[in-house]
C-alpha cells in the first residue's frame, strides 16, 4: 500500500483560523476509519476518487462524497476512500470555520456536507487549480491565497467569543459555560447563542 502524508503550516495571516494542512495520497483502498471528536473542523479537498462518509447525524448510513466539510462531532464518524485518494485536509479552528464558511457551526454538528454545497463555484475552481499545480508547495500556496481572501472578506469574531473559546481550549473544556458567561456579564443562554 503506497501512502503519503505531508503536513504543512498555513501562512502567518491564517494562524488562528487554519490549524494545519495535511496533503495525502493513498493508492490502495483501505477500510473506513473511525474519526473521533476533536476541536477542529476538517475540510477535505478531494483530488482523487472521493470518500464514503458515515456520520452520527446520518445514522451511520454511508454517503459518497468528493470534497466535504465535517462539523464537530460528539461521537465518531466513519470515513474511507472510495478509490485511490489524493487531496488536502485543511483543519480549521471552529471560530475560523465560522468565518470562512459563513454558517453557524451548529448547522454542521455531527454532519458532513459536500464542499460545493458550502462554497459553490469557488470549490470547483479551487479543486481545478490544485489539480493543475505541479506539486505540494504550489498547492499549499494556492490554499494560503484562497483562504486569505476569504478571511479578508469575512466578519471578525467578537472579542468576547474569542476570549471564551480560548478559555475553553486552555481548560480542555473543563470551564463551565455558565462561568464563562458570568465573567463576560452574559447569561449562559446568550453565550451559547453567540457561539452558534
Protein backbone atom coordinates (compact mmCIF):
# COMPACT_ATOMS: atom_id res chain seq x y z
CA UNK A 1 0.00 0.00 0.00
CA UNK A 2 1.50 3.35 -1.06
CA UNK A 3 0.71 6.10 1.45
CA UNK A 4 1.99 9.65 1.71
CA UNK A 5 1.08 12.27 4.29
CA UNK A 6 2.64 15.72 4.14
CA UNK A 7 1.73 18.27 6.85
CA UNK A 8 2.28 21.99 6.32
CA UNK A 9 1.70 25.13 8.34
CA UNK A 10 -0.59 27.82 6.95
CA UNK A 11 0.65 31.30 6.09
CA UNK A 12 1.07 33.54 9.18
CA UNK A 13 -2.02 35.57 8.20
CA UNK A 14 -4.15 32.41 8.62
CA UNK A 15 -2.92 31.36 12.05
CA UNK A 16 -5.79 31.02 14.48
CA UNK A 17 -8.10 30.26 11.56
CA UNK A 18 -6.28 27.38 9.85
CA UNK A 19 -4.63 24.93 12.23
CA UNK A 20 -2.79 22.82 9.67
CA UNK A 21 -2.77 21.50 6.12
CA UNK A 22 -2.28 17.78 5.51
CA UNK A 23 -1.70 16.64 1.94
CA UNK A 24 -2.35 12.94 1.41
CA UNK A 25 -2.06 10.23 -1.17
CA UNK A 26 -3.31 6.67 -0.72
CA UNK A 27 -3.08 4.38 -3.72
CA UNK A 28 -4.94 1.37 -2.33
CA UNK A 29 -8.37 1.02 -0.80
CA UNK A 30 -8.43 0.83 2.96
CA UNK A 31 -11.35 0.12 5.28
CA UNK A 32 -13.25 3.04 6.80
CA UNK A 33 -11.51 4.62 9.77
CA UNK A 34 -13.22 5.93 12.89
CA UNK A 35 -12.69 9.69 13.12
CA UNK A 36 -13.09 10.65 16.76
CA UNK A 37 -14.38 14.02 18.04
CA UNK A 38 -11.85 16.83 18.03
CA UNK A 39 -11.75 20.59 18.41
CA UNK A 40 -11.26 21.25 14.71
CA UNK A 41 -13.40 21.38 11.59
CA UNK A 42 -11.77 19.34 8.80
CA UNK A 43 -12.23 20.44 5.20
CA UNK A 44 -11.39 17.71 2.70
CA UNK A 45 -10.41 18.99 -0.74
CA UNK A 46 -10.57 15.88 -2.89
CA UNK A 47 -8.44 15.40 -5.99
CA UNK A 48 -8.96 11.63 -6.07
CA UNK A 49 -11.83 9.15 -6.15
CA UNK A 50 -13.97 10.57 -3.35
CA UNK A 51 -14.92 9.24 0.06
CA UNK A 52 -17.52 7.15 1.83
CA UNK A 53 -18.60 9.14 4.91
CA UNK A 54 -20.97 7.97 7.66
CA UNK A 55 -21.82 10.42 10.45
CA UNK A 56 -23.88 10.31 13.63
CA UNK A 57 -26.49 12.61 12.01
CA UNK A 58 -26.93 10.15 9.10
CA UNK A 59 -27.45 7.20 11.43
CA UNK A 60 -24.08 5.99 10.09
CA UNK A 61 -25.51 5.42 6.62
CA UNK A 62 -22.54 5.99 4.29
CA UNK A 63 -22.75 8.68 1.61
CA UNK A 64 -20.28 9.04 -1.24
CA UNK A 65 -18.75 12.50 -1.40
CA UNK A 66 -15.93 14.28 -3.15
CA UNK A 67 -14.64 17.16 -1.07
CA UNK A 68 -16.53 17.80 2.16
CA UNK A 69 -16.60 19.66 5.44
CA UNK A 70 -17.11 17.67 8.63
CA UNK A 71 -18.65 19.56 11.50
CA UNK A 72 -17.61 18.99 15.08
CA UNK A 73 -18.93 15.68 16.40
CA UNK A 74 -19.90 14.36 19.81
CA UNK A 75 -19.45 10.77 18.54
CA UNK A 76 -17.18 9.12 15.99
CA UNK A 77 -17.69 9.30 12.23
CA UNK A 78 -16.57 6.67 9.70
CA UNK A 79 -14.54 7.78 6.68
CA UNK A 80 -12.99 5.61 3.97
CA UNK A 81 -11.68 6.21 0.46
CA UNK A 82 -13.90 5.27 -2.49
CA UNK A 83 -10.76 4.54 -4.53
CA UNK A 84 -7.23 5.94 -4.81
CA UNK A 85 -7.15 9.04 -2.62
CA UNK A 86 -5.38 12.31 -3.30
CA UNK A 87 -6.05 15.68 -1.77
CA UNK A 88 -5.59 18.05 1.13
CA UNK A 89 -7.21 18.18 4.54
CA UNK A 90 -7.47 21.71 5.91
CA UNK A 91 -8.08 21.71 9.66
CA UNK A 92 -9.92 24.85 10.73
CA UNK A 93 -10.48 26.16 14.22
CA UNK A 94 -14.22 26.31 14.99
CA UNK A 95 -14.14 30.12 15.02
CA UNK A 96 -12.14 30.10 11.80
CA UNK A 97 -14.64 27.72 10.21
CA UNK A 98 -17.50 30.03 11.19
CA UNK A 99 -15.73 32.93 9.49
CA UNK A 100 -14.52 31.10 6.38
CA UNK A 101 -17.67 29.07 5.70
CA UNK A 102 -20.16 31.75 6.71
CA UNK A 103 -22.54 29.42 8.55
CA UNK A 104 -23.16 28.74 12.24
CA UNK A 105 -21.29 25.67 13.44
CA UNK A 106 -24.40 24.05 14.93
CA UNK A 107 -25.63 23.58 11.35
CA UNK A 108 -22.67 21.25 10.73
CA UNK A 109 -22.69 19.42 14.07
CA UNK A 110 -22.39 15.64 13.63
CA UNK A 111 -22.66 16.03 9.83
CA UNK A 112 -20.52 16.06 6.73
CA UNK A 113 -21.54 18.45 3.95
CA UNK A 114 -20.22 18.46 0.37
CA UNK A 115 -17.76 21.30 -0.10
CA UNK A 116 -19.64 22.59 -3.15
CA UNK A 117 -22.80 22.96 -1.04
CA UNK A 118 -20.94 25.50 1.09
CA UNK A 119 -18.64 27.19 -1.41
CA UNK A 120 -20.36 26.62 -4.76
CA UNK A 121 -18.30 27.52 -7.83
CA UNK A 122 -15.44 28.62 -5.64
CA UNK A 123 -14.98 24.99 -4.51
CA UNK A 124 -14.83 23.75 -8.12
CA UNK A 125 -12.35 26.46 -9.08
CA UNK A 126 -10.14 25.67 -6.10
CA UNK A 127 -10.11 21.95 -6.90
CA UNK A 128 -9.19 22.68 -10.53
CA UNK A 129 -6.32 24.98 -9.56
CA UNK A 130 -4.98 22.47 -7.03
CA UNK A 131 -5.20 19.62 -9.55
CA UNK A 132 -3.24 21.64 -12.13
CA UNK A 133 -0.49 22.69 -9.69
CA UNK A 134 2.84 20.88 -10.21
CA UNK A 135 3.45 19.92 -6.56
CA UNK A 136 2.51 20.28 -2.91
CA UNK A 137 4.36 23.55 -2.20
CA UNK A 138 2.42 25.21 -5.03
CA UNK A 139 -0.85 23.69 -3.77
CA UNK A 140 -0.23 24.99 -0.25
CA UNK A 141 0.47 28.46 -1.71
CA UNK A 142 -2.82 28.31 -3.64
CA UNK A 143 -4.66 27.38 -0.43
CA UNK A 144 -2.96 30.20 1.50
CA UNK A 145 -4.05 32.76 -1.10
CA UNK A 146 -7.63 31.45 -1.45
CA UNK A 147 -8.23 31.22 2.30
CA UNK A 148 -6.59 34.60 2.99
CA UNK A 149 -9.05 36.22 0.55
CA UNK A 150 -11.97 34.59 2.37
CA UNK A 151 -10.65 35.75 5.77
CA UNK A 152 -10.30 39.32 4.49
CA UNK A 153 -13.93 39.33 3.37
CA UNK A 154 -15.31 37.61 6.49
CA UNK A 155 -16.62 39.42 9.55
CA UNK A 156 -14.37 39.23 12.59
CA UNK A 157 -15.26 37.11 15.60
CA UNK A 158 -16.23 39.24 18.59
CA UNK A 159 -13.50 39.63 21.23
CA UNK A 160 -15.84 38.10 23.84
CA UNK A 161 -16.38 34.91 21.84
CA UNK A 162 -12.68 34.69 21.01
CA UNK A 163 -11.82 35.02 24.71
CA UNK A 164 -14.42 32.41 25.76
CA UNK A 165 -13.23 29.92 23.13
CA UNK A 166 -9.59 30.34 24.19
CA UNK A 167 -10.59 29.68 27.81
CA UNK A 168 -12.48 26.52 26.78
CA UNK A 169 -9.50 25.25 24.78
CA UNK A 170 -6.96 26.09 27.50
CA UNK A 171 -9.03 24.21 30.09
CA UNK A 172 -9.72 21.25 27.75
CA UNK A 173 -13.42 22.03 28.11
CA UNK A 174 -13.37 21.97 31.91
CA UNK A 175 -14.59 25.56 32.42
CA UNK A 176 -18.39 25.59 32.76
CA UNK A 177 -20.15 27.69 30.14
CA UNK A 178 -22.10 29.46 32.90
CA UNK A 179 -18.82 30.57 34.48
CA UNK A 180 -17.59 31.98 31.17
CA UNK A 181 -20.88 33.82 30.71
CA UNK A 182 -20.69 35.25 34.22
CA UNK A 183 -17.15 36.54 33.58
CA UNK A 184 -18.45 38.30 30.46
CA UNK A 185 -21.58 39.60 32.20
CA UNK A 186 -23.71 37.43 29.88
CA UNK A 187 -26.27 34.79 30.65
CA UNK A 188 -25.40 31.19 29.78
CA UNK A 189 -28.15 31.28 27.15
CA UNK A 190 -26.70 34.40 25.50
CA UNK A 191 -23.19 32.92 25.40
CA UNK A 192 -24.40 29.65 23.87
CA UNK A 193 -26.44 31.57 21.30
CA UNK A 194 -23.40 33.67 20.33
CA UNK A 195 -21.28 30.52 19.87
CA UNK A 196 -23.76 29.19 17.35
